N, C-alpha and C. Protein backbone atom coordinates (compact mmCIF):
# COMPACT_ATOMS: atom_id res chain seq x y z
N MET A 1 7.12 -61.35 -36.89
CA MET A 1 6.66 -60.44 -35.85
C MET A 1 7.90 -59.82 -35.21
N LYS A 2 7.82 -58.54 -34.95
CA LYS A 2 8.93 -57.85 -34.31
C LYS A 2 8.96 -58.13 -32.82
N SER A 3 10.14 -58.00 -32.23
CA SER A 3 10.32 -58.25 -30.81
C SER A 3 9.60 -57.20 -29.97
N ILE A 4 9.21 -57.61 -28.79
CA ILE A 4 8.54 -56.71 -27.85
C ILE A 4 9.57 -55.73 -27.28
N ASP A 5 9.19 -54.48 -27.21
CA ASP A 5 9.99 -53.46 -26.52
C ASP A 5 9.48 -53.44 -25.08
N LEU A 6 10.30 -53.91 -24.16
CA LEU A 6 9.84 -54.08 -22.78
C LEU A 6 9.41 -52.79 -22.11
N GLU A 7 9.90 -51.65 -22.58
CA GLU A 7 9.50 -50.37 -21.99
C GLU A 7 8.20 -49.83 -22.59
N LYS A 8 7.92 -50.15 -23.85
CA LYS A 8 6.78 -49.56 -24.54
C LYS A 8 5.62 -50.51 -24.78
N ASP A 9 5.86 -51.80 -24.71
CA ASP A 9 4.86 -52.77 -25.17
C ASP A 9 4.24 -53.62 -24.08
N ILE A 10 4.35 -53.20 -22.84
CA ILE A 10 3.68 -53.89 -21.73
C ILE A 10 2.89 -52.84 -20.96
N LYS A 11 1.57 -53.00 -20.95
CA LYS A 11 0.69 -51.99 -20.33
C LYS A 11 -0.34 -52.65 -19.43
N PRO A 12 -0.64 -52.00 -18.31
CA PRO A 12 -1.71 -52.52 -17.45
C PRO A 12 -3.08 -52.33 -18.12
N LEU A 13 -4.00 -53.19 -17.79
CA LEU A 13 -5.34 -53.14 -18.37
C LEU A 13 -5.99 -51.78 -18.18
N SER A 14 -5.83 -51.17 -17.02
CA SER A 14 -6.47 -49.88 -16.77
C SER A 14 -5.95 -48.81 -17.73
N GLU A 15 -4.65 -48.82 -18.00
CA GLU A 15 -4.08 -47.86 -18.94
C GLU A 15 -4.53 -48.18 -20.37
N PHE A 16 -4.61 -49.48 -20.69
CA PHE A 16 -5.08 -49.87 -22.02
C PHE A 16 -6.51 -49.40 -22.25
N ARG A 17 -7.37 -49.55 -21.25
CA ARG A 17 -8.76 -49.10 -21.38
C ARG A 17 -8.82 -47.60 -21.64
N ALA A 18 -7.99 -46.85 -20.96
CA ALA A 18 -8.02 -45.39 -21.09
C ALA A 18 -7.46 -44.90 -22.42
N HIS A 19 -6.62 -45.70 -23.07
CA HIS A 19 -5.96 -45.25 -24.30
C HIS A 19 -6.02 -46.31 -25.41
N THR A 20 -7.12 -47.02 -25.48
CA THR A 20 -7.26 -48.14 -26.42
C THR A 20 -6.92 -47.75 -27.86
N ALA A 21 -7.50 -46.68 -28.36
CA ALA A 21 -7.26 -46.27 -29.75
C ALA A 21 -5.78 -46.01 -30.01
N ASN A 22 -5.12 -45.36 -29.06
CA ASN A 22 -3.68 -45.09 -29.22
C ASN A 22 -2.87 -46.38 -29.28
N TYR A 23 -3.22 -47.35 -28.45
CA TYR A 23 -2.47 -48.60 -28.44
C TYR A 23 -2.74 -49.44 -29.68
N VAL A 24 -3.96 -49.42 -30.18
CA VAL A 24 -4.25 -50.11 -31.43
C VAL A 24 -3.44 -49.48 -32.56
N LYS A 25 -3.38 -48.16 -32.60
CA LYS A 25 -2.58 -47.46 -33.60
C LYS A 25 -1.10 -47.84 -33.47
N GLN A 26 -0.60 -47.89 -32.24
CA GLN A 26 0.80 -48.26 -32.00
C GLN A 26 1.10 -49.65 -32.55
N VAL A 27 0.22 -50.61 -32.28
CA VAL A 27 0.42 -51.98 -32.74
C VAL A 27 0.40 -52.03 -34.26
N ARG A 28 -0.52 -51.31 -34.88
CA ARG A 28 -0.58 -51.28 -36.36
C ARG A 28 0.68 -50.70 -36.96
N GLU A 29 1.18 -49.63 -36.37
CA GLU A 29 2.34 -48.93 -36.93
C GLU A 29 3.64 -49.68 -36.69
N THR A 30 3.83 -50.20 -35.48
CA THR A 30 5.11 -50.82 -35.13
C THR A 30 5.18 -52.30 -35.50
N LYS A 31 4.00 -52.93 -35.66
CA LYS A 31 3.91 -54.38 -35.91
C LYS A 31 4.43 -55.19 -34.73
N ARG A 32 4.60 -54.54 -33.57
CA ARG A 32 5.01 -55.23 -32.36
C ARG A 32 3.77 -55.55 -31.52
N PRO A 33 3.74 -56.69 -30.86
CA PRO A 33 2.60 -57.01 -30.00
C PRO A 33 2.60 -56.14 -28.75
N LEU A 34 1.44 -55.99 -28.17
CA LEU A 34 1.28 -55.26 -26.91
C LEU A 34 0.80 -56.25 -25.86
N VAL A 35 1.55 -56.38 -24.79
CA VAL A 35 1.17 -57.27 -23.69
C VAL A 35 0.34 -56.46 -22.70
N ILE A 36 -0.84 -56.96 -22.39
CA ILE A 36 -1.73 -56.30 -21.44
C ILE A 36 -1.70 -57.09 -20.14
N THR A 37 -1.43 -56.38 -19.06
CA THR A 37 -1.34 -57.06 -17.76
C THR A 37 -2.57 -56.76 -16.91
N GLN A 38 -2.84 -57.67 -16.00
CA GLN A 38 -3.94 -57.50 -15.05
C GLN A 38 -3.43 -58.01 -13.71
N HIS A 39 -3.49 -57.18 -12.70
CA HIS A 39 -2.98 -57.51 -11.37
C HIS A 39 -1.50 -57.88 -11.43
N GLY A 40 -0.76 -57.18 -12.30
CA GLY A 40 0.69 -57.38 -12.40
C GLY A 40 1.15 -58.59 -13.17
N LYS A 41 0.21 -59.32 -13.77
CA LYS A 41 0.56 -60.52 -14.54
C LYS A 41 0.03 -60.40 -15.97
N SER A 42 0.74 -60.99 -16.91
CA SER A 42 0.30 -60.94 -18.30
C SER A 42 -1.10 -61.57 -18.41
N ALA A 43 -1.98 -60.90 -19.16
CA ALA A 43 -3.36 -61.37 -19.29
C ALA A 43 -3.78 -61.57 -20.74
N ALA A 44 -3.23 -60.74 -21.65
CA ALA A 44 -3.62 -60.83 -23.06
C ALA A 44 -2.55 -60.17 -23.92
N ILE A 45 -2.61 -60.48 -25.22
CA ILE A 45 -1.70 -59.86 -26.17
C ILE A 45 -2.51 -59.32 -27.34
N LEU A 46 -2.22 -58.09 -27.71
CA LEU A 46 -2.85 -57.46 -28.87
C LEU A 46 -1.82 -57.46 -29.99
N ILE A 47 -2.20 -58.04 -31.14
CA ILE A 47 -1.28 -58.04 -32.28
C ILE A 47 -1.99 -57.53 -33.53
N ASP A 48 -1.20 -57.04 -34.46
CA ASP A 48 -1.71 -56.54 -35.74
C ASP A 48 -2.38 -57.68 -36.52
N VAL A 49 -3.43 -57.39 -37.23
CA VAL A 49 -4.18 -58.40 -37.97
C VAL A 49 -3.29 -59.09 -39.02
N ASN A 50 -2.49 -58.33 -39.74
CA ASN A 50 -1.63 -58.93 -40.76
C ASN A 50 -0.56 -59.82 -40.14
N VAL A 51 -0.04 -59.43 -39.00
CA VAL A 51 0.94 -60.25 -38.29
C VAL A 51 0.27 -61.54 -37.83
N PHE A 52 -0.94 -61.44 -37.31
CA PHE A 52 -1.69 -62.61 -36.88
C PHE A 52 -1.92 -63.57 -38.05
N GLN A 53 -2.35 -63.02 -39.19
CA GLN A 53 -2.61 -63.85 -40.37
C GLN A 53 -1.33 -64.55 -40.83
N SER A 54 -0.22 -63.85 -40.79
CA SER A 54 1.06 -64.43 -41.16
C SER A 54 1.45 -65.57 -40.22
N LEU A 55 1.23 -65.38 -38.93
CA LEU A 55 1.52 -66.44 -37.96
C LEU A 55 0.66 -67.68 -38.21
N ILE A 56 -0.62 -67.47 -38.50
CA ILE A 56 -1.52 -68.59 -38.78
C ILE A 56 -1.05 -69.34 -40.02
N TYR A 57 -0.67 -68.60 -41.07
CA TYR A 57 -0.19 -69.22 -42.30
C TYR A 57 1.05 -70.07 -42.00
N LYS A 58 1.99 -69.52 -41.23
CA LYS A 58 3.23 -70.25 -40.91
C LYS A 58 2.93 -71.51 -40.10
N ILE A 59 2.01 -71.42 -39.15
CA ILE A 59 1.64 -72.59 -38.35
C ILE A 59 1.03 -73.67 -39.24
N GLU A 60 0.13 -73.27 -40.14
CA GLU A 60 -0.50 -74.23 -41.04
C GLU A 60 0.53 -74.89 -41.95
N LEU A 61 1.48 -74.10 -42.45
CA LEU A 61 2.54 -74.65 -43.30
C LEU A 61 3.40 -75.65 -42.54
N LEU A 62 3.78 -75.30 -41.30
CA LEU A 62 4.57 -76.22 -40.49
C LEU A 62 3.80 -77.51 -40.18
N GLU A 63 2.50 -77.38 -39.94
CA GLU A 63 1.69 -78.58 -39.71
C GLU A 63 1.64 -79.46 -40.95
N ASP A 64 1.52 -78.84 -42.14
CA ASP A 64 1.52 -79.61 -43.40
C ASP A 64 2.86 -80.31 -43.60
N ILE A 65 3.96 -79.62 -43.31
CA ILE A 65 5.28 -80.23 -43.44
C ILE A 65 5.42 -81.40 -42.48
N GLN A 66 4.97 -81.22 -41.24
CA GLN A 66 5.04 -82.30 -40.25
C GLN A 66 4.22 -83.50 -40.70
N MET A 67 3.02 -83.26 -41.24
CA MET A 67 2.17 -84.35 -41.70
C MET A 67 2.85 -85.09 -42.85
N ALA A 68 3.46 -84.35 -43.77
CA ALA A 68 4.16 -84.98 -44.90
C ALA A 68 5.34 -85.81 -44.39
N ASN A 69 6.09 -85.29 -43.43
CA ASN A 69 7.21 -86.05 -42.86
C ASN A 69 6.72 -87.32 -42.18
N ASP A 70 5.63 -87.20 -41.43
CA ASP A 70 5.06 -88.38 -40.75
C ASP A 70 4.61 -89.43 -41.78
N GLN A 71 3.97 -88.98 -42.85
CA GLN A 71 3.52 -89.90 -43.89
C GLN A 71 4.70 -90.58 -44.57
N PHE A 72 5.73 -89.81 -44.85
CA PHE A 72 6.91 -90.38 -45.50
C PHE A 72 7.58 -91.39 -44.56
N ASP A 73 7.70 -91.04 -43.27
CA ASP A 73 8.33 -91.93 -42.30
C ASP A 73 7.56 -93.24 -42.13
N SER A 74 6.24 -93.20 -42.34
CA SER A 74 5.44 -94.42 -42.20
C SER A 74 5.31 -95.18 -43.52
N GLY A 75 6.10 -94.79 -44.51
CA GLY A 75 6.12 -95.53 -45.77
C GLY A 75 5.08 -95.10 -46.77
N GLN A 76 4.39 -94.02 -46.54
CA GLN A 76 3.36 -93.58 -47.48
C GLN A 76 3.89 -92.65 -48.56
N GLY A 77 5.17 -92.32 -48.48
CA GLY A 77 5.74 -91.37 -49.43
C GLY A 77 6.22 -92.02 -50.71
N ILE A 78 6.61 -91.19 -51.66
CA ILE A 78 7.17 -91.63 -52.93
C ILE A 78 8.58 -91.06 -53.00
N SER A 79 9.54 -91.88 -53.37
CA SER A 79 10.91 -91.41 -53.45
C SER A 79 11.07 -90.39 -54.57
N GLN A 80 12.11 -89.59 -54.45
CA GLN A 80 12.38 -88.57 -55.47
C GLN A 80 12.62 -89.23 -56.83
N GLU A 81 13.30 -90.35 -56.85
CA GLU A 81 13.57 -91.05 -58.11
C GLU A 81 12.28 -91.53 -58.78
N ASP A 82 11.34 -92.06 -57.97
CA ASP A 82 10.05 -92.49 -58.52
C ASP A 82 9.27 -91.32 -59.09
N VAL A 83 9.30 -90.19 -58.41
CA VAL A 83 8.61 -88.99 -58.90
C VAL A 83 9.22 -88.55 -60.23
N LYS A 84 10.54 -88.53 -60.31
CA LYS A 84 11.21 -88.14 -61.56
C LYS A 84 10.83 -89.09 -62.70
N SER A 85 10.79 -90.38 -62.40
CA SER A 85 10.39 -91.37 -63.42
C SER A 85 8.98 -91.11 -63.91
N GLN A 86 8.08 -90.87 -62.96
CA GLN A 86 6.69 -90.64 -63.32
C GLN A 86 6.54 -89.36 -64.14
N LEU A 87 7.29 -88.36 -63.80
CA LEU A 87 7.21 -87.09 -64.55
C LEU A 87 7.75 -87.25 -65.97
N ARG A 88 8.81 -88.03 -66.16
CA ARG A 88 9.37 -88.25 -67.49
C ARG A 88 8.39 -89.03 -68.35
N ILE A 89 7.69 -89.98 -67.75
CA ILE A 89 6.74 -90.81 -68.50
C ILE A 89 5.52 -89.97 -68.91
N SER A 90 5.04 -89.10 -68.03
CA SER A 90 3.80 -88.37 -68.31
C SER A 90 4.03 -87.13 -69.17
N THR A 91 5.25 -86.74 -69.46
CA THR A 91 5.46 -85.54 -70.29
C THR A 91 5.85 -85.89 -71.70
């Protein structure tokens, strides 16, 4: 995901409502998120669908890596040498 442009990518809700289609187009084209504020505070973020999907994929991959590390740390893993031995035997 690209970094937020602080001058272009933070908009009040009232302005977002008035120009929704333009801001959706901006997010699609720039791949930068748009921060929507309400009463001067951040309220929501609009991001491109493909960027969102990529973030979800990365989170799931990191969770899988963490689970594998946890399993290995608790003794449920197989050493690299054992895997190599098993692969040589089965081929």
